[in-house]
Amino acid sequence: QVQLVESGGGLVQPGGSLRLSCAASGFSFSRYAMYWYRQGPGKERELVAAITRGGGSTNYADSVKGRFAISRDNAKNTMYLQMNSLKPEDTAVYYCKPDFNLWGQGTQVTVSS
């Protein structure tokens, strides 16, 4: 079964950290670039970070640059998003996506004191 399962979200105070995971199955994970998206309350879904197939190149939205780090472990078919110095505006449902039309259920991140 082709699927993505995001995990690692939760409630965190401003300035805190979380590490999200995206477990992929049913397709050749290492053949695809991967992306993290997020959708905040009342907002459109936006691209947060991207990583190439081998993990050698990454890109970030300006709003998270210097705070978030995307990585992947092709041996484990898993991608990660390390989020540091979290802000209330980072509150959103976070989704991972390969370079084709497949979405997971998302994981909720809430940044609040």
N, C-alpha and C. Protein backbone atom coordinates (compact mmCIF):
# COMPACT_ATOMS: atom_id res chain seq x y z
N GLN A 1 0.85 -1.19 0.00
CA GLN A 1 0.00 0.00 0.00
C GLN A 1 0.89 1.24 0.00
N VAL A 2 0.62 2.16 -0.92
CA VAL A 2 1.39 3.40 -1.02
C VAL A 2 0.87 4.37 0.04
N GLN A 3 1.72 4.75 0.97
CA GLN A 3 1.25 5.67 2.00
C GLN A 3 2.39 6.42 2.65
N LEU A 4 2.01 7.53 3.30
CA LEU A 4 2.91 8.35 4.10
C LEU A 4 2.28 8.51 5.48
N VAL A 5 3.09 8.37 6.51
CA VAL A 5 2.59 8.54 7.87
C VAL A 5 3.47 9.54 8.59
N GLU A 6 2.89 10.70 8.88
CA GLU A 6 3.60 11.74 9.63
C GLU A 6 3.39 11.54 11.13
N SER A 7 4.40 11.88 11.92
CA SER A 7 4.29 11.79 13.37
C SER A 7 5.25 12.78 14.01
N GLY A 8 5.10 12.95 15.32
CA GLY A 8 6.02 13.80 16.06
C GLY A 8 5.47 15.16 16.43
N GLY A 9 4.26 15.48 15.98
CA GLY A 9 3.69 16.76 16.33
C GLY A 9 3.25 16.80 17.79
N GLY A 10 2.81 17.97 18.22
CA GLY A 10 2.35 18.13 19.59
C GLY A 10 2.26 19.58 19.98
N LEU A 11 2.08 19.80 21.27
CA LEU A 11 2.00 21.14 21.83
C LEU A 11 3.37 21.50 22.42
N VAL A 12 3.88 22.66 22.04
CA VAL A 12 5.19 23.09 22.52
C VAL A 12 5.15 24.59 22.80
N GLN A 13 5.94 25.03 23.76
CA GLN A 13 5.99 26.45 24.08
C GLN A 13 6.85 27.19 23.06
N PRO A 14 6.59 28.49 22.89
CA PRO A 14 7.46 29.28 22.00
C PRO A 14 8.92 29.13 22.41
N GLY A 15 9.77 28.99 21.40
CA GLY A 15 11.19 28.77 21.64
C GLY A 15 11.58 27.31 21.75
N GLY A 16 10.59 26.45 21.80
CA GLY A 16 10.84 25.01 21.94
C GLY A 16 11.17 24.34 20.61
N SER A 17 11.34 23.03 20.69
CA SER A 17 11.72 22.24 19.51
C SER A 17 10.83 21.01 19.37
N LEU A 18 10.69 20.57 18.14
CA LEU A 18 10.03 19.30 17.83
C LEU A 18 10.74 18.67 16.64
N ARG A 19 10.65 17.35 16.56
CA ARG A 19 11.18 16.65 15.40
C ARG A 19 10.07 15.82 14.78
N LEU A 20 9.71 16.17 13.56
CA LEU A 20 8.69 15.44 12.83
C LEU A 20 9.32 14.32 12.01
N SER A 21 8.57 13.24 11.84
CA SER A 21 8.99 12.13 11.01
C SER A 21 7.94 11.85 9.95
N CYS A 22 8.39 11.34 8.82
CA CYS A 22 7.50 10.94 7.73
C CYS A 22 7.95 9.57 7.27
N ALA A 23 7.16 8.55 7.57
CA ALA A 23 7.48 7.18 7.18
C ALA A 23 6.77 6.85 5.88
N ALA A 24 7.53 6.47 4.87
CA ALA A 24 6.98 6.17 3.56
C ALA A 24 6.98 4.66 3.31
N SER A 25 5.97 4.20 2.58
CA SER A 25 5.91 2.79 2.23
C SER A 25 5.17 2.63 0.90
N GLY A 26 5.46 1.55 0.22
CA GLY A 26 4.76 1.21 -1.02
C GLY A 26 5.31 1.83 -2.27
N PHE A 27 6.41 2.60 -2.16
CA PHE A 27 7.05 3.15 -3.35
C PHE A 27 8.55 3.28 -3.09
N SER A 28 9.29 3.53 -4.14
CA SER A 28 10.75 3.62 -4.04
C SER A 28 11.15 4.99 -3.50
N PHE A 29 11.17 5.08 -2.20
CA PHE A 29 11.38 6.36 -1.49
C PHE A 29 12.62 7.09 -2.01
N SER A 30 13.70 6.37 -2.20
CA SER A 30 14.97 7.02 -2.55
C SER A 30 14.99 7.61 -3.96
N ARG A 31 13.98 7.31 -4.76
CA ARG A 31 13.93 7.82 -6.13
C ARG A 31 13.27 9.18 -6.23
N TYR A 32 12.74 9.68 -5.13
CA TYR A 32 11.94 10.90 -5.20
C TYR A 32 12.46 11.99 -4.27
N ALA A 33 12.44 13.23 -4.80
CA ALA A 33 12.58 14.36 -3.92
C ALA A 33 11.40 14.36 -2.97
N MET A 34 11.59 14.95 -1.79
CA MET A 34 10.55 14.97 -0.77
C MET A 34 10.36 16.38 -0.24
N TYR A 35 9.17 16.64 0.25
CA TYR A 35 8.80 17.98 0.70
C TYR A 35 8.03 17.93 2.01
N TRP A 36 8.19 18.98 2.80
CA TRP A 36 7.31 19.24 3.94
C TRP A 36 6.46 20.45 3.61
N TYR A 37 5.16 20.32 3.80
CA TYR A 37 4.21 21.41 3.67
C TYR A 37 3.54 21.64 5.03
N ARG A 38 2.91 22.77 5.16
CA ARG A 38 2.09 23.03 6.35
C ARG A 38 0.88 23.86 5.98
N GLN A 39 -0.18 23.72 6.79
CA GLN A 39 -1.38 24.51 6.61
C GLN A 39 -1.83 25.00 7.97
N GLY A 40 -1.69 26.30 8.18
CA GLY A 40 -2.12 26.90 9.43
C GLY A 40 -3.59 27.20 9.41
N PRO A 41 -4.17 27.52 10.57
CA PRO A 41 -5.60 27.80 10.66
C PRO A 41 -5.98 28.99 9.79
N GLY A 42 -6.91 28.79 8.89
CA GLY A 42 -7.37 29.85 8.00
C GLY A 42 -6.39 30.23 6.91
N LYS A 43 -5.37 29.42 6.72
CA LYS A 43 -4.34 29.73 5.72
C LYS A 43 -4.30 28.67 4.63
N GLU A 44 -3.68 29.02 3.51
CA GLU A 44 -3.46 28.04 2.45
C GLU A 44 -2.26 27.17 2.79
N ARG A 45 -2.23 25.98 2.21
CA ARG A 45 -1.10 25.09 2.41
C ARG A 45 0.15 25.72 1.77
N GLU A 46 1.26 25.68 2.49
CA GLU A 46 2.48 26.28 1.98
C GLU A 46 3.65 25.31 2.07
N LEU A 47 4.59 25.47 1.13
CA LEU A 47 5.80 24.65 1.13
C LEU A 47 6.75 25.17 2.20
N VAL A 48 7.25 24.27 3.02
CA VAL A 48 8.14 24.63 4.12
C VAL A 48 9.58 24.29 3.79
N ALA A 49 9.80 23.06 3.28
CA ALA A 49 11.17 22.61 3.03
C ALA A 49 11.15 21.52 1.98
N ALA A 50 12.30 21.37 1.31
CA ALA A 50 12.45 20.37 0.26
C ALA A 50 13.82 19.73 0.36
N ILE A 51 13.90 18.47 -0.08
CA ILE A 51 15.18 17.76 -0.06
C ILE A 51 15.26 16.88 -1.29
N THR A 52 16.44 16.83 -1.91
CA THR A 52 16.63 16.02 -3.09
C THR A 52 16.67 14.53 -2.75
N ARG A 53 16.69 13.71 -3.79
CA ARG A 53 16.59 12.26 -3.59
C ARG A 53 17.68 11.72 -2.67
N GLY A 54 18.89 12.17 -2.88
CA GLY A 54 20.01 11.69 -2.06
C GLY A 54 20.24 12.48 -0.80
N GLY A 55 19.49 13.56 -0.64
CA GLY A 55 19.64 14.38 0.56
C GLY A 55 20.75 15.41 0.48
N GLY A 56 21.37 15.54 -0.69
CA GLY A 56 22.51 16.43 -0.79
C GLY A 56 22.18 17.90 -0.93
N SER A 57 20.92 18.19 -1.25
CA SER A 57 20.51 19.58 -1.42
C SER A 57 19.17 19.81 -0.75
N THR A 58 19.07 20.94 -0.07
CA THR A 58 17.84 21.28 0.64
C THR A 58 17.45 22.72 0.36
N ASN A 59 16.17 23.02 0.52
CA ASN A 59 15.68 24.39 0.38
C ASN A 59 14.61 24.65 1.43
N TYR A 60 14.49 25.91 1.83
CA TYR A 60 13.56 26.28 2.89
C TYR A 60 12.80 27.54 2.54
N ALA A 61 11.58 27.62 3.06
CA ALA A 61 10.84 28.87 3.00
C ALA A 61 11.58 29.90 3.85
N ASP A 62 11.50 31.15 3.44
CA ASP A 62 12.19 32.20 4.19
C ASP A 62 11.75 32.24 5.65
N SER A 63 10.50 31.91 5.90
CA SER A 63 9.95 32.01 7.25
C SER A 63 10.56 31.00 8.23
N VAL A 64 11.19 29.94 7.72
CA VAL A 64 11.75 28.91 8.60
C VAL A 64 13.26 28.76 8.46
N LYS A 65 13.84 29.49 7.53
CA LYS A 65 15.27 29.37 7.26
C LYS A 65 16.07 29.66 8.53
N GLY A 66 17.02 28.80 8.84
CA GLY A 66 17.84 28.98 10.03
C GLY A 66 17.26 28.36 11.29
N ARG A 67 15.98 27.95 11.23
CA ARG A 67 15.32 27.35 12.39
C ARG A 67 14.95 25.90 12.17
N PHE A 68 14.60 25.55 10.94
CA PHE A 68 14.18 24.19 10.60
C PHE A 68 15.27 23.51 9.78
N ALA A 69 15.35 22.17 9.91
CA ALA A 69 16.29 21.39 9.12
C ALA A 69 15.61 20.12 8.63
N ILE A 70 15.62 19.95 7.32
CA ILE A 70 15.04 18.76 6.69
C ILE A 70 16.14 17.75 6.44
N SER A 71 15.83 16.47 6.64
CA SER A 71 16.79 15.41 6.38
C SER A 71 16.04 14.14 6.02
N ARG A 72 16.77 13.15 5.55
CA ARG A 72 16.14 11.89 5.19
C ARG A 72 17.11 10.75 5.41
N ASP A 73 16.53 9.56 5.65
CA ASP A 73 17.30 8.33 5.78
C ASP A 73 16.69 7.34 4.79
N ASN A 74 17.32 7.22 3.63
CA ASN A 74 16.75 6.37 2.58
C ASN A 74 16.74 4.89 2.98
N ALA A 75 17.65 4.50 3.85
CA ALA A 75 17.66 3.11 4.31
C ALA A 75 16.44 2.79 5.16
N LYS A 76 15.88 3.82 5.79
CA LYS A 76 14.70 3.64 6.64
C LYS A 76 13.43 4.16 5.99
N ASN A 77 13.53 4.63 4.74
CA ASN A 77 12.36 5.19 4.04
C ASN A 77 11.67 6.26 4.89
N THR A 78 12.46 7.10 5.49
CA THR A 78 11.92 8.09 6.43
C THR A 78 12.55 9.46 6.19
N MET A 79 11.73 10.48 6.31
CA MET A 79 12.19 11.87 6.22
C MET A 79 11.88 12.55 7.55
N TYR A 80 12.67 13.57 7.87
CA TYR A 80 12.53 14.26 9.14
C TYR A 80 12.46 15.76 8.94
N LEU A 81 11.89 16.44 9.93
CA LEU A 81 11.94 17.90 9.98
C LEU A 81 12.24 18.28 11.42
N GLN A 82 13.45 18.75 11.66
CA GLN A 82 13.84 19.25 12.97
C GLN A 82 13.44 20.72 13.05
N MET A 83 12.61 21.06 14.00
CA MET A 83 12.08 22.41 14.14
C MET A 83 12.55 22.99 15.47
N ASN A 84 13.34 24.04 15.39
CA ASN A 84 13.85 24.71 16.58
C ASN A 84 13.33 26.15 16.65
N SER A 85 13.47 26.75 17.80
CA SER A 85 13.04 28.14 18.01
C SER A 85 11.63 28.37 17.48
N LEU A 86 10.74 27.49 17.85
CA LEU A 86 9.38 27.53 17.32
C LEU A 86 8.65 28.79 17.76
N LYS A 87 7.80 29.28 16.84
CA LYS A 87 7.03 30.49 17.07
C LYS A 87 5.54 30.16 16.97
N PRO A 88 4.68 30.96 17.57
CA PRO A 88 3.23 30.70 17.45
C PRO A 88 2.77 30.62 15.99
N GLU A 89 3.40 31.37 15.10
CA GLU A 89 3.01 31.34 13.70
C GLU A 89 3.41 30.05 12.98
N ASP A 90 4.17 29.19 13.65
CA ASP A 90 4.48 27.88 13.10
C ASP A 90 3.35 26.88 13.35
N THR A 91 2.36 27.28 14.12
CA THR A 91 1.22 26.41 14.38
C THR A 91 0.53 26.03 13.09
N ALA A 92 0.41 24.73 12.83
CA ALA A 92 -0.15 24.24 11.57
C ALA A 92 -0.22 22.72 11.61
N VAL A 93 -0.92 22.17 10.63
CA VAL A 93 -0.81 20.74 10.35
C VAL A 93 0.31 20.59 9.33
N TYR A 94 1.26 19.72 9.64
CA TYR A 94 2.42 19.50 8.78
C TYR A 94 2.26 18.20 8.00
N TYR A 95 2.52 18.30 6.70
CA TYR A 95 2.37 17.17 5.79
C TYR A 95 3.68 16.91 5.06
N CYS A 96 3.94 15.65 4.77
CA CYS A 96 5.06 15.33 3.88
C CYS A 96 4.50 14.87 2.54
N LYS A 97 5.32 15.00 1.51
CA LYS A 97 4.86 14.70 0.16
C LYS A 97 6.05 14.34 -0.71
N PRO A 98 5.94 13.29 -1.50
CA PRO A 98 6.99 13.00 -2.47
C PRO A 98 6.76 13.82 -3.72
N ASP A 99 7.60 13.62 -4.71
CA ASP A 99 7.52 14.37 -5.96
C ASP A 99 6.44 13.80 -6.88
N PHE A 100 5.35 13.35 -6.31
CA PHE A 100 4.14 12.99 -7.06
C PHE A 100 2.97 13.17 -6.10
N ASN A 101 1.77 12.98 -6.61
CA ASN A 101 0.58 13.34 -5.85
C ASN A 101 0.20 12.30 -4.81
N LEU A 102 0.79 12.43 -3.64
CA LEU A 102 0.48 11.55 -2.51
C LEU A 102 0.65 12.36 -1.24
N TRP A 103 -0.37 12.32 -0.39
CA TRP A 103 -0.34 13.06 0.87
C TRP A 103 -0.61 12.12 2.04
N GLY A 104 0.01 12.43 3.16
CA GLY A 104 -0.31 11.72 4.38
C GLY A 104 -1.45 12.41 5.11
N GLN A 105 -1.72 11.95 6.34
CA GLN A 105 -2.83 12.54 7.11
C GLN A 105 -2.40 13.80 7.85
N GLY A 106 -1.11 14.03 7.93
CA GLY A 106 -0.59 15.21 8.60
C GLY A 106 -0.41 15.01 10.09
N THR A 107 0.38 15.89 10.70
CA THR A 107 0.57 15.87 12.14
C THR A 107 0.46 17.31 12.65
N GLN A 108 -0.30 17.49 13.73
CA GLN A 108 -0.59 18.83 14.23
C GLN A 108 0.56 19.33 15.09
N VAL A 109 1.00 20.54 14.82
CA VAL A 109 1.99 21.24 15.64
C VAL A 109 1.33 22.50 16.18
N THR A 110 1.33 22.63 17.49
CA THR A 110 0.76 23.81 18.13
C THR A 110 1.81 24.46 19.00
N VAL A 111 2.10 25.72 18.73
CA VAL A 111 3.09 26.47 19.49
C VAL A 111 2.35 27.54 20.30
N SER A 112 2.33 27.34 21.59
CA SER A 112 1.55 28.23 22.46
C SER A 112 2.06 28.13 23.89
N SER A 113 1.96 29.25 24.60
CA SER A 113 2.33 29.25 26.00
C SER A 113 1.11 29.00 26.87
